[in-house]
Amino acid sequence: MSTSQHVYEVRPRKDHRGIDLISDALPFGRLWYGEPNAISNAIGYAKFRSRLHRAVIPVYDDAGNVIETQEHAGITSA
């Protein structure tokens, strides 16, 4: 049995208007979040979207450094 893994990136936008959630697992490649809880909302959506898959979600700062990494185990079948 093979398990797939989704990889997401949470990156600040170059125009400083929120953050982008980026992944090949998303239908359009990226989503924009601009509200005060943008990072936590993006991470929550990535985990929801990957509920059946493992997911790795690094969060980057303006300089391109990883400041946090979230992981989601997904639902495993017995």
Protein backbone atom coordinates (compact mmCIF):
# COMPACT_ATOMS: atom_id res chain seq x y z
CA MET A 1 0.00 0.00 0.00
CA SER A 2 1.38 3.37 -0.99
CA THR A 3 0.59 6.60 0.82
CA SER A 4 0.77 9.95 -0.83
CA GLN A 5 1.99 13.12 0.82
CA HIS A 6 0.88 16.67 0.08
CA VAL A 7 3.43 19.45 0.43
CA TYR A 8 2.22 23.00 1.02
CA GLU A 9 4.08 26.26 1.53
CA VAL A 10 2.88 29.26 3.50
CA ARG A 11 4.73 32.32 2.19
CA PRO A 12 4.31 36.07 2.66
CA ARG A 13 3.17 37.88 -0.47
CA LYS A 14 5.68 40.15 -2.18
CA ASP A 15 3.15 43.01 -2.07
CA HIS A 16 2.93 42.57 1.76
CA ARG A 17 -0.85 42.01 1.57
CA GLY A 18 -1.22 38.75 3.42
CA ILE A 19 0.18 35.33 2.64
CA ASP A 20 -0.08 32.68 -0.08
CA LEU A 21 -0.78 29.00 0.49
CA ILE A 22 1.03 27.22 -2.35
CA SER A 23 0.80 23.57 -3.42
CA ASP A 24 0.36 21.27 -6.39
CA ALA A 25 -2.46 19.67 -4.35
CA LEU A 26 -4.56 22.84 -4.72
CA PRO A 27 -6.82 23.17 -7.77
CA PHE A 28 -5.35 26.56 -8.79
CA GLY A 29 -1.87 26.19 -7.29
CA ARG A 30 -2.21 28.92 -4.65
CA LEU A 31 -4.67 30.62 -2.34
CA TRP A 32 -4.41 34.14 -0.92
CA TYR A 33 -5.13 34.89 2.75
CA GLY A 34 -5.24 38.48 3.98
CA GLU A 35 -7.07 38.43 7.29
CA PRO A 36 -5.40 38.81 10.72
CA ASN A 37 -5.27 35.01 11.28
CA ALA A 38 -4.02 34.31 7.75
CA ILE A 39 -1.25 31.85 8.68
CA SER A 40 -3.36 29.72 11.02
CA ASN A 41 -6.27 29.76 8.54
CA ALA A 42 -3.99 28.66 5.69
CA ILE A 43 -2.53 25.84 7.82
CA GLY A 44 -6.03 24.77 8.85
CA TYR A 45 -7.19 24.67 5.23
CA ALA A 46 -4.12 22.66 4.16
CA LYS A 47 -4.79 20.11 6.91
CA PHE A 48 -8.47 19.93 5.95
CA ARG A 49 -7.66 19.53 2.25
CA SER A 50 -5.20 16.74 3.12
CA ARG A 51 -7.42 14.93 5.60
CA LEU A 52 -6.84 11.61 3.78
CA HIS A 53 -3.13 12.20 3.13
CA ARG A 54 0.02 13.01 5.03
CA ALA A 55 0.90 16.69 4.72
CA VAL A 56 3.95 18.82 5.41
CA ILE A 57 3.38 22.58 5.73
CA PRO A 58 6.46 24.79 6.14
CA VAL A 59 5.86 28.46 7.01
CA TYR A 60 8.38 30.95 5.59
CA ASP A 61 9.32 34.48 6.65
CA ASP A 62 10.02 37.44 4.33
CA ALA A 63 13.68 36.37 3.94
CA GLY A 64 12.71 32.87 2.78
CA ASN A 65 13.65 31.09 6.00
CA VAL A 66 11.46 28.35 7.44
CA ILE A 67 10.12 29.63 10.77
CA GLU A 68 7.73 26.76 11.52
CA THR A 69 6.78 23.38 10.08
CA GLN A 70 3.41 21.74 10.62
CA GLU A 71 2.74 18.09 9.84
CA HIS A 72 -0.55 16.31 9.41
CA ALA A 73 -0.77 12.51 9.62
CA GLY A 74 -3.96 12.12 7.61
CA ILE A 75 -6.44 9.31 8.09
CA THR A 76 -4.83 5.91 8.00
CA SER A 77 -6.88 2.84 7.22
CA ALA A 78 -6.41 -0.29 9.26
